[in-house]
Amino acid sequence: MRFTRHTDYALRVLMFLGLKSPGELATIKEISDRYGISENHLMKVVHRLGRNGLIETIRGRQGGIRLARSPADIGIGDVVRRCEDDMRLVECFDPKTNKCRIAACCTLPMVLDEALAAFMAVLDRFTLADLLKSRQGLVSVLMPDLERGA
């Protein structure tokens, strides 16, 4: 299984926001600068996270984004499901586009379906709070100015 860049960036945005004090705002530019990611791409990610109720977006001059829930209430499996448009591992998972000649007698889809379910079950065991357990290391890399007290 491989996540799209969109999902990868969504998890990074959530982790960055999780490092902020509760209610503290961040900007897309700030996140873009800290990760070295395109602002345009992050705008799409942030839009989707906001639509899915994972972050709050505040417009205006003093605006920004922040988590809509506590990190402990944001499940990683839920984030992945909301961000990945296509969880089909092989062509035969989609009856509309399936052109596989052995689909009628092949057991591979059953095996891959079970593997995907196991993969998602592992992700479902973790929350954003779990990803933030190495807080000090994350802060030192992403927010070194906070570490120095600036």
N, C-alpha and C. Protein backbone atom coordinates (compact mmCIF):
# COMPACT_ATOMS: atom_id res chain seq x y z
N MET A 1 0.86 -1.19 0.00
CA MET A 1 0.00 0.00 0.00
C MET A 1 0.89 1.23 0.00
N ARG A 2 0.54 2.17 -0.79
CA ARG A 2 1.28 3.43 -0.83
C ARG A 2 0.28 4.57 -0.80
N PHE A 3 0.50 5.51 0.10
CA PHE A 3 -0.37 6.67 0.18
C PHE A 3 -0.06 7.65 -0.94
N THR A 4 -1.07 8.40 -1.33
CA THR A 4 -0.84 9.50 -2.25
C THR A 4 -0.10 10.61 -1.50
N ARG A 5 0.49 11.51 -2.26
CA ARG A 5 1.15 12.66 -1.67
C ARG A 5 0.13 13.49 -0.87
N HIS A 6 -1.10 13.51 -1.34
CA HIS A 6 -2.16 14.25 -0.65
C HIS A 6 -2.34 13.75 0.79
N THR A 7 -2.40 12.44 0.95
CA THR A 7 -2.57 11.86 2.29
C THR A 7 -1.33 12.11 3.15
N ASP A 8 -0.17 11.96 2.56
CA ASP A 8 1.08 12.22 3.26
C ASP A 8 1.08 13.66 3.79
N TYR A 9 0.74 14.60 2.93
CA TYR A 9 0.73 16.00 3.33
C TYR A 9 -0.36 16.27 4.37
N ALA A 10 -1.50 15.61 4.24
CA ALA A 10 -2.58 15.79 5.22
C ALA A 10 -2.09 15.38 6.61
N LEU A 11 -1.40 14.25 6.69
CA LEU A 11 -0.88 13.80 7.98
C LEU A 11 0.17 14.78 8.52
N ARG A 12 1.00 15.31 7.63
CA ARG A 12 2.00 16.29 8.05
C ARG A 12 1.36 17.57 8.57
N VAL A 13 0.31 18.05 7.87
CA VAL A 13 -0.40 19.26 8.32
C VAL A 13 -0.99 19.02 9.71
N LEU A 14 -1.64 17.89 9.89
CA LEU A 14 -2.25 17.59 11.19
C LEU A 14 -1.19 17.50 12.29
N MET A 15 -0.06 16.90 11.97
CA MET A 15 1.02 16.81 12.97
C MET A 15 1.53 18.20 13.33
N PHE A 16 1.71 19.05 12.33
CA PHE A 16 2.18 20.41 12.59
C PHE A 16 1.19 21.15 13.49
N LEU A 17 -0.09 21.05 13.14
CA LEU A 17 -1.10 21.73 13.94
C LEU A 17 -1.18 21.15 15.34
N GLY A 18 -0.92 19.85 15.47
CA GLY A 18 -0.93 19.22 16.78
C GLY A 18 0.20 19.68 17.68
N LEU A 19 1.25 20.22 17.11
CA LEU A 19 2.36 20.75 17.90
C LEU A 19 2.05 22.14 18.45
N LYS A 20 1.08 22.81 17.85
CA LYS A 20 0.70 24.15 18.31
C LYS A 20 -0.06 24.05 19.62
N SER A 21 -0.09 25.13 20.37
CA SER A 21 -0.91 25.18 21.58
C SER A 21 -2.37 25.08 21.18
N PRO A 22 -3.22 24.51 22.02
CA PRO A 22 -4.65 24.41 21.67
C PRO A 22 -5.22 25.77 21.29
N GLY A 23 -5.87 25.81 20.13
CA GLY A 23 -6.48 27.04 19.64
C GLY A 23 -5.56 27.94 18.85
N GLU A 24 -4.24 27.71 18.94
CA GLU A 24 -3.29 28.55 18.23
C GLU A 24 -3.38 28.29 16.72
N LEU A 25 -3.33 29.37 15.96
CA LEU A 25 -3.45 29.27 14.50
C LEU A 25 -2.10 29.11 13.82
N ALA A 26 -2.13 28.44 12.70
CA ALA A 26 -0.98 28.36 11.81
C ALA A 26 -1.45 28.81 10.44
N THR A 27 -0.52 29.13 9.57
CA THR A 27 -0.88 29.51 8.21
C THR A 27 -0.35 28.44 7.25
N ILE A 28 -0.95 28.41 6.08
CA ILE A 28 -0.48 27.50 5.05
C ILE A 28 0.97 27.84 4.68
N LYS A 29 1.28 29.11 4.61
CA LYS A 29 2.64 29.53 4.28
C LYS A 29 3.62 29.02 5.33
N GLU A 30 3.26 29.15 6.58
CA GLU A 30 4.13 28.68 7.66
C GLU A 30 4.41 27.18 7.52
N ILE A 31 3.37 26.40 7.27
CA ILE A 31 3.51 24.95 7.13
C ILE A 31 4.32 24.64 5.88
N SER A 32 4.03 25.35 4.81
CA SER A 32 4.76 25.15 3.56
C SER A 32 6.25 25.41 3.76
N ASP A 33 6.58 26.50 4.43
CA ASP A 33 7.98 26.85 4.67
C ASP A 33 8.67 25.80 5.55
N ARG A 34 7.99 25.34 6.57
CA ARG A 34 8.62 24.40 7.52
C ARG A 34 8.87 23.03 6.90
N TYR A 35 7.96 22.60 6.02
CA TYR A 35 8.12 21.28 5.40
C TYR A 35 8.77 21.35 4.02
N GLY A 36 8.85 22.54 3.43
CA GLY A 36 9.36 22.64 2.08
C GLY A 36 8.41 22.05 1.05
N ILE A 37 7.12 22.32 1.26
CA ILE A 37 6.05 21.79 0.40
C ILE A 37 5.37 22.96 -0.29
N SER A 38 4.92 22.76 -1.51
CA SER A 38 4.23 23.78 -2.28
C SER A 38 2.98 24.29 -1.55
N GLU A 39 2.86 25.62 -1.47
CA GLU A 39 1.65 26.22 -0.88
C GLU A 39 0.40 25.84 -1.65
N ASN A 40 0.49 25.81 -2.98
CA ASN A 40 -0.68 25.46 -3.79
C ASN A 40 -1.18 24.06 -3.46
N HIS A 41 -0.26 23.12 -3.32
CA HIS A 41 -0.68 21.76 -2.99
C HIS A 41 -1.28 21.72 -1.58
N LEU A 42 -0.67 22.44 -0.66
CA LEU A 42 -1.18 22.46 0.71
C LEU A 42 -2.57 23.08 0.80
N MET A 43 -2.86 24.05 -0.06
CA MET A 43 -4.20 24.66 -0.06
C MET A 43 -5.26 23.60 -0.33
N LYS A 44 -5.00 22.72 -1.27
CA LYS A 44 -5.95 21.65 -1.59
C LYS A 44 -6.10 20.70 -0.41
N VAL A 45 -4.99 20.37 0.21
CA VAL A 45 -5.01 19.48 1.37
C VAL A 45 -5.79 20.10 2.51
N VAL A 46 -5.50 21.36 2.81
CA VAL A 46 -6.18 22.06 3.90
C VAL A 46 -7.67 22.18 3.61
N HIS A 47 -8.01 22.47 2.37
CA HIS A 47 -9.43 22.55 2.00
C HIS A 47 -10.14 21.23 2.32
N ARG A 48 -9.53 20.13 1.93
CA ARG A 48 -10.15 18.82 2.18
C ARG A 48 -10.23 18.51 3.67
N LEU A 49 -9.17 18.82 4.41
CA LEU A 49 -9.20 18.58 5.85
C LEU A 49 -10.30 19.40 6.52
N GLY A 50 -10.48 20.63 6.05
CA GLY A 50 -11.55 21.47 6.59
C GLY A 50 -12.92 20.93 6.24
N ARG A 51 -13.11 20.51 5.00
CA ARG A 51 -14.40 19.93 4.57
C ARG A 51 -14.74 18.68 5.37
N ASN A 52 -13.72 17.95 5.77
CA ASN A 52 -13.93 16.72 6.53
C ASN A 52 -13.98 16.94 8.04
N GLY A 53 -13.94 18.18 8.47
CA GLY A 53 -14.10 18.49 9.89
C GLY A 53 -12.89 18.17 10.76
N LEU A 54 -11.74 18.01 10.14
CA LEU A 54 -10.54 17.70 10.91
C LEU A 54 -9.81 18.97 11.36
N ILE A 55 -9.96 20.03 10.59
CA ILE A 55 -9.37 21.31 10.98
C ILE A 55 -10.42 22.40 10.82
N GLU A 56 -10.17 23.50 11.50
CA GLU A 56 -10.99 24.71 11.35
C GLU A 56 -10.17 25.70 10.54
N THR A 57 -10.84 26.37 9.63
CA THR A 57 -10.18 27.41 8.85
C THR A 57 -10.82 28.74 9.21
N ILE A 58 -9.99 29.71 9.53
CA ILE A 58 -10.46 31.04 9.90
C ILE A 58 -9.95 32.01 8.84
N ARG A 59 -10.88 32.67 8.18
CA ARG A 59 -10.53 33.61 7.11
C ARG A 59 -10.19 34.97 7.68
N GLY A 60 -9.56 35.75 6.85
CA GLY A 60 -9.28 37.14 7.23
C GLY A 60 -7.83 37.37 7.56
N ARG A 61 -7.55 38.62 7.85
CA ARG A 61 -6.18 39.06 8.10
C ARG A 61 -5.51 38.32 9.25
N GLN A 62 -6.24 38.05 10.28
CA GLN A 62 -5.69 37.33 11.44
C GLN A 62 -6.05 35.84 11.39
N GLY A 63 -6.42 35.37 10.21
CA GLY A 63 -6.89 34.00 10.05
C GLY A 63 -5.78 32.98 10.02
N GLY A 64 -6.21 31.75 9.85
CA GLY A 64 -5.28 30.63 9.80
C GLY A 64 -6.04 29.34 9.96
N ILE A 65 -5.34 28.32 10.35
CA ILE A 65 -5.96 27.01 10.54
C ILE A 65 -5.53 26.43 11.88
N ARG A 66 -6.40 25.56 12.42
CA ARG A 66 -6.09 24.86 13.67
C ARG A 66 -6.88 23.56 13.69
N LEU A 67 -6.48 22.69 14.58
CA LEU A 67 -7.21 21.43 14.71
C LEU A 67 -8.64 21.69 15.16
N ALA A 68 -9.56 20.93 14.63
CA ALA A 68 -10.96 21.06 15.03
C ALA A 68 -11.27 20.18 16.24
N ARG A 69 -10.38 19.24 16.51
CA ARG A 69 -10.56 18.31 17.63
C ARG A 69 -9.22 18.09 18.32
N SER A 70 -9.28 17.49 19.45
CA SER A 70 -8.08 17.11 20.17
C SER A 70 -7.31 16.06 19.37
N PRO A 71 -5.98 16.08 19.41
CA PRO A 71 -5.21 15.05 18.70
C PRO A 71 -5.61 13.62 19.08
N ALA A 72 -6.04 13.42 20.31
CA ALA A 72 -6.46 12.09 20.75
C ALA A 72 -7.76 11.65 20.09
N ASP A 73 -8.50 12.60 19.52
CA ASP A 73 -9.78 12.30 18.88
C ASP A 73 -9.68 12.23 17.35
N ILE A 74 -8.48 12.29 16.82
CA ILE A 74 -8.28 12.21 15.37
C ILE A 74 -7.58 10.90 15.06
N GLY A 75 -8.35 9.95 14.54
CA GLY A 75 -7.81 8.64 14.21
C GLY A 75 -7.08 8.65 12.89
N ILE A 76 -5.93 7.99 12.86
CA ILE A 76 -5.12 7.97 11.64
C ILE A 76 -5.84 7.20 10.53
N GLY A 77 -6.48 6.09 10.86
CA GLY A 77 -7.24 5.35 9.85
C GLY A 77 -8.34 6.20 9.25
N ASP A 78 -9.00 6.99 10.08
CA ASP A 78 -10.07 7.88 9.59
C ASP A 78 -9.50 8.92 8.64
N VAL A 79 -8.35 9.49 8.98
CA VAL A 79 -7.72 10.49 8.11
C VAL A 79 -7.40 9.87 6.75
N VAL A 80 -6.82 8.68 6.78
CA VAL A 80 -6.45 8.01 5.53
C VAL A 80 -7.69 7.74 4.68
N ARG A 81 -8.74 7.24 5.29
CA ARG A 81 -9.98 6.97 4.54
C ARG A 81 -10.56 8.24 3.93
N ARG A 82 -10.45 9.36 4.63
CA ARG A 82 -10.99 10.62 4.13
C ARG A 82 -10.12 11.24 3.04
N CYS A 83 -8.84 10.88 3.01
CA CYS A 83 -7.92 11.50 2.05
C CYS A 83 -7.61 10.64 0.83
N GLU A 84 -7.68 9.35 0.98
CA GLU A 84 -7.38 8.47 -0.15
C GLU A 84 -8.64 8.27 -0.97
N ASP A 85 -8.60 8.64 -2.23
CA ASP A 85 -9.76 8.49 -3.10
C ASP A 85 -9.93 7.06 -3.60
N ASP A 86 -8.85 6.34 -3.69
CA ASP A 86 -8.91 5.01 -4.30
C ASP A 86 -8.10 4.03 -3.47
N MET A 87 -8.79 3.18 -2.74
CA MET A 87 -8.11 2.18 -1.91
C MET A 87 -8.03 0.83 -2.63
N ARG A 88 -8.34 0.83 -3.91
CA ARG A 88 -8.27 -0.43 -4.67
C ARG A 88 -6.81 -0.75 -4.95
N LEU A 89 -6.37 -1.90 -4.50
CA LEU A 89 -4.98 -2.27 -4.68
C LEU A 89 -4.68 -2.82 -6.06
N VAL A 90 -5.68 -3.44 -6.67
CA VAL A 90 -5.51 -3.99 -8.02
C VAL A 90 -6.76 -3.69 -8.85
N GLU A 91 -6.61 -3.81 -10.13
CA GLU A 91 -7.67 -3.47 -11.08
C GLU A 91 -8.99 -4.21 -10.81
N CYS A 92 -8.90 -5.45 -10.39
CA CYS A 92 -10.13 -6.24 -10.25
C CYS A 92 -10.97 -5.84 -9.04
N PHE A 93 -10.49 -4.91 -8.20
CA PHE A 93 -11.30 -4.43 -7.09
C PHE A 93 -12.46 -3.56 -7.59
N ASP A 94 -12.36 -3.08 -8.81
CA ASP A 94 -13.42 -2.23 -9.38
C ASP A 94 -14.09 -2.97 -10.53
N PRO A 95 -15.31 -3.47 -10.29
CA PRO A 95 -16.00 -4.24 -11.33
C PRO A 95 -16.21 -3.46 -12.64
N LYS A 96 -16.29 -2.14 -12.56
CA LYS A 96 -16.53 -1.33 -13.75
C LYS A 96 -15.33 -1.29 -14.69
N THR A 97 -14.14 -1.33 -14.13
CA THR A 97 -12.94 -1.21 -14.96
C THR A 97 -12.13 -2.50 -15.04
N ASN A 98 -12.62 -3.54 -14.42
CA ASN A 98 -11.89 -4.80 -14.38
C ASN A 98 -11.80 -5.45 -15.76
N LYS A 99 -10.57 -5.67 -16.20
CA LYS A 99 -10.35 -6.35 -17.49
C LYS A 99 -9.49 -7.60 -17.30
N CYS A 100 -9.33 -8.01 -16.07
CA CYS A 100 -8.48 -9.17 -15.78
C CYS A 100 -9.14 -10.45 -16.28
N ARG A 101 -8.40 -11.22 -17.01
CA ARG A 101 -8.93 -12.45 -17.60
C ARG A 101 -9.19 -13.56 -16.59
N ILE A 102 -8.53 -13.51 -15.46
CA ILE A 102 -8.72 -14.59 -14.49
C ILE A 102 -9.58 -14.18 -13.29
N ALA A 103 -10.20 -13.03 -13.37
CA ALA A 103 -10.97 -12.49 -12.24
C ALA A 103 -12.03 -13.46 -11.72
N ALA A 104 -12.67 -14.17 -12.58
CA ALA A 104 -13.76 -15.06 -12.16
C ALA A 104 -13.29 -16.20 -11.26
N CYS A 105 -12.04 -16.60 -11.39
CA CYS A 105 -11.57 -17.74 -10.61
C CYS A 105 -10.37 -17.40 -9.72
N CYS A 106 -10.00 -16.16 -9.64
CA CYS A 106 -8.81 -15.75 -8.90
C CYS A 106 -9.13 -15.44 -7.44
N THR A 107 -8.27 -15.89 -6.55
CA THR A 107 -8.45 -15.60 -5.12
C THR A 107 -7.58 -14.44 -4.64
N LEU A 108 -6.77 -13.88 -5.52
CA LEU A 108 -5.93 -12.75 -5.14
C LEU A 108 -6.72 -11.59 -4.53
N PRO A 109 -7.86 -11.20 -5.09
CA PRO A 109 -8.61 -10.10 -4.48
C PRO A 109 -9.00 -10.38 -3.02
N MET A 110 -9.34 -11.62 -2.72
CA MET A 110 -9.70 -11.96 -1.34
C MET A 110 -8.49 -11.77 -0.42
N VAL A 111 -7.33 -12.21 -0.87
CA VAL A 111 -6.11 -12.07 -0.08
C VAL A 111 -5.76 -10.60 0.11
N LEU A 112 -5.80 -9.83 -0.97
CA LEU A 112 -5.47 -8.41 -0.89
C LEU A 112 -6.49 -7.62 -0.07
N ASP A 113 -7.75 -8.01 -0.17
CA ASP A 113 -8.79 -7.36 0.63
C ASP A 113 -8.52 -7.59 2.12
N GLU A 114 -8.14 -8.80 2.47
CA GLU A 114 -7.81 -9.11 3.86
C GLU A 114 -6.58 -8.33 4.32
N ALA A 115 -5.58 -8.24 3.43
CA ALA A 115 -4.37 -7.49 3.76
C ALA A 115 -4.68 -6.00 3.96
N LEU A 116 -5.51 -5.44 3.10
CA LEU A 116 -5.90 -4.04 3.24
C LEU A 116 -6.66 -3.81 4.54
N ALA A 117 -7.55 -4.73 4.88
CA ALA A 117 -8.31 -4.63 6.13
C ALA A 117 -7.36 -4.66 7.34
N ALA A 118 -6.35 -5.52 7.28
CA ALA A 118 -5.37 -5.60 8.36
C ALA A 118 -4.56 -4.31 8.46
N PHE A 119 -4.16 -3.78 7.31
CA PHE A 119 -3.41 -2.53 7.25
C PHE A 119 -4.22 -1.40 7.89
N MET A 120 -5.49 -1.30 7.51
CA MET A 120 -6.35 -0.24 8.06
C MET A 120 -6.62 -0.48 9.54
N ALA A 121 -6.72 -1.73 9.96
CA ALA A 121 -6.94 -2.03 11.38
C ALA A 121 -5.76 -1.53 12.22
N VAL A 122 -4.56 -1.64 11.70
CA VAL A 122 -3.39 -1.11 12.41
C VAL A 122 -3.49 0.41 12.50
N LEU A 123 -3.78 1.07 11.38
CA LEU A 123 -3.91 2.53 11.40
C LEU A 123 -5.02 2.97 12.35
N ASP A 124 -6.08 2.19 12.45
CA ASP A 124 -7.21 2.53 13.33
C ASP A 124 -6.82 2.48 14.81
N ARG A 125 -5.73 1.83 15.12
CA ARG A 125 -5.29 1.76 16.52
C ARG A 125 -4.57 3.02 16.98
N PHE A 126 -4.23 3.89 16.03
CA PHE A 126 -3.43 5.06 16.36
C PHE A 126 -4.19 6.36 16.13
N THR A 127 -3.82 7.36 16.91
CA THR A 127 -4.40 8.70 16.79
C THR A 127 -3.29 9.70 16.48
N LEU A 128 -3.69 10.90 16.18
CA LEU A 128 -2.73 11.97 15.98
C LEU A 128 -1.87 12.16 17.23
N ALA A 129 -2.47 11.99 18.40
CA ALA A 129 -1.70 12.10 19.65
C ALA A 129 -0.54 11.11 19.67
N ASP A 130 -0.74 9.91 19.14
CA ASP A 130 0.34 8.93 19.08
C ASP A 130 1.47 9.41 18.18
N LEU A 131 1.14 10.09 17.09
CA LEU A 131 2.16 10.58 16.17
C LEU A 131 2.94 11.75 16.76
N LEU A 132 2.41 12.34 17.81
CA LEU A 132 3.04 13.51 18.42
C LEU A 132 3.85 13.15 19.67
N LYS A 133 4.01 11.87 19.94
CA LYS A 133 4.73 11.44 21.15
C LYS A 133 6.20 11.87 21.13
N SER A 134 6.78 12.01 19.97
CA SER A 134 8.16 12.50 19.88
C SER A 134 8.14 14.01 19.70
N ARG A 135 7.31 14.65 20.47
CA ARG A 135 7.06 16.10 20.38
C ARG A 135 8.36 16.92 20.34
N GLN A 136 9.27 16.64 21.26
CA GLN A 136 10.49 17.44 21.35
C GLN A 136 11.29 17.37 20.06
N GLY A 137 11.41 16.19 19.48
CA GLY A 137 12.14 16.05 18.22
C GLY A 137 11.44 16.77 17.09
N LEU A 138 10.12 16.64 17.03
CA LEU A 138 9.35 17.32 15.98
C LEU A 138 9.47 18.83 16.10
N VAL A 139 9.37 19.33 17.33
CA VAL A 139 9.49 20.78 17.55
C VAL A 139 10.88 21.26 17.16
N SER A 140 11.91 20.49 17.51
CA SER A 140 13.27 20.94 17.19
C SER A 140 13.51 21.02 15.68
N VAL A 141 12.82 20.17 14.91
CA VAL A 141 12.99 20.19 13.46
C VAL A 141 12.06 21.21 12.79
N LEU A 142 10.80 21.23 13.22
CA LEU A 142 9.80 22.06 12.54
C LEU A 142 9.66 23.46 13.11
N MET A 143 9.97 23.62 14.39
CA MET A 143 9.75 24.91 15.05
C MET A 143 10.96 25.28 15.92
N PRO A 144 12.13 25.31 15.34
CA PRO A 144 13.33 25.56 16.16
C PRO A 144 13.29 26.90 16.90
N ASP A 145 12.54 27.87 16.36
CA ASP A 145 12.43 29.17 17.03
C ASP A 145 11.71 29.02 18.37
N LEU A 146 10.77 28.09 18.50
CA LEU A 146 10.09 27.85 19.78
C LEU A 146 11.06 27.25 20.79
N GLU A 147 11.91 26.38 20.30
CA GLU A 147 12.87 25.70 21.18
C GLU A 147 13.84 26.70 21.79
N ARG A 148 14.17 27.75 21.03
CA ARG A 148 15.11 28.77 21.53
C ARG A 148 14.38 29.85 22.33
N GLY A 149 13.04 29.76 22.39
CA GLY A 149 12.28 30.75 23.13
C GLY A 149 12.05 32.04 22.38
N ALA A 150 12.17 32.01 21.08
CA ALA A 150 11.99 33.23 20.27
C ALA A 150 10.55 33.61 20.15
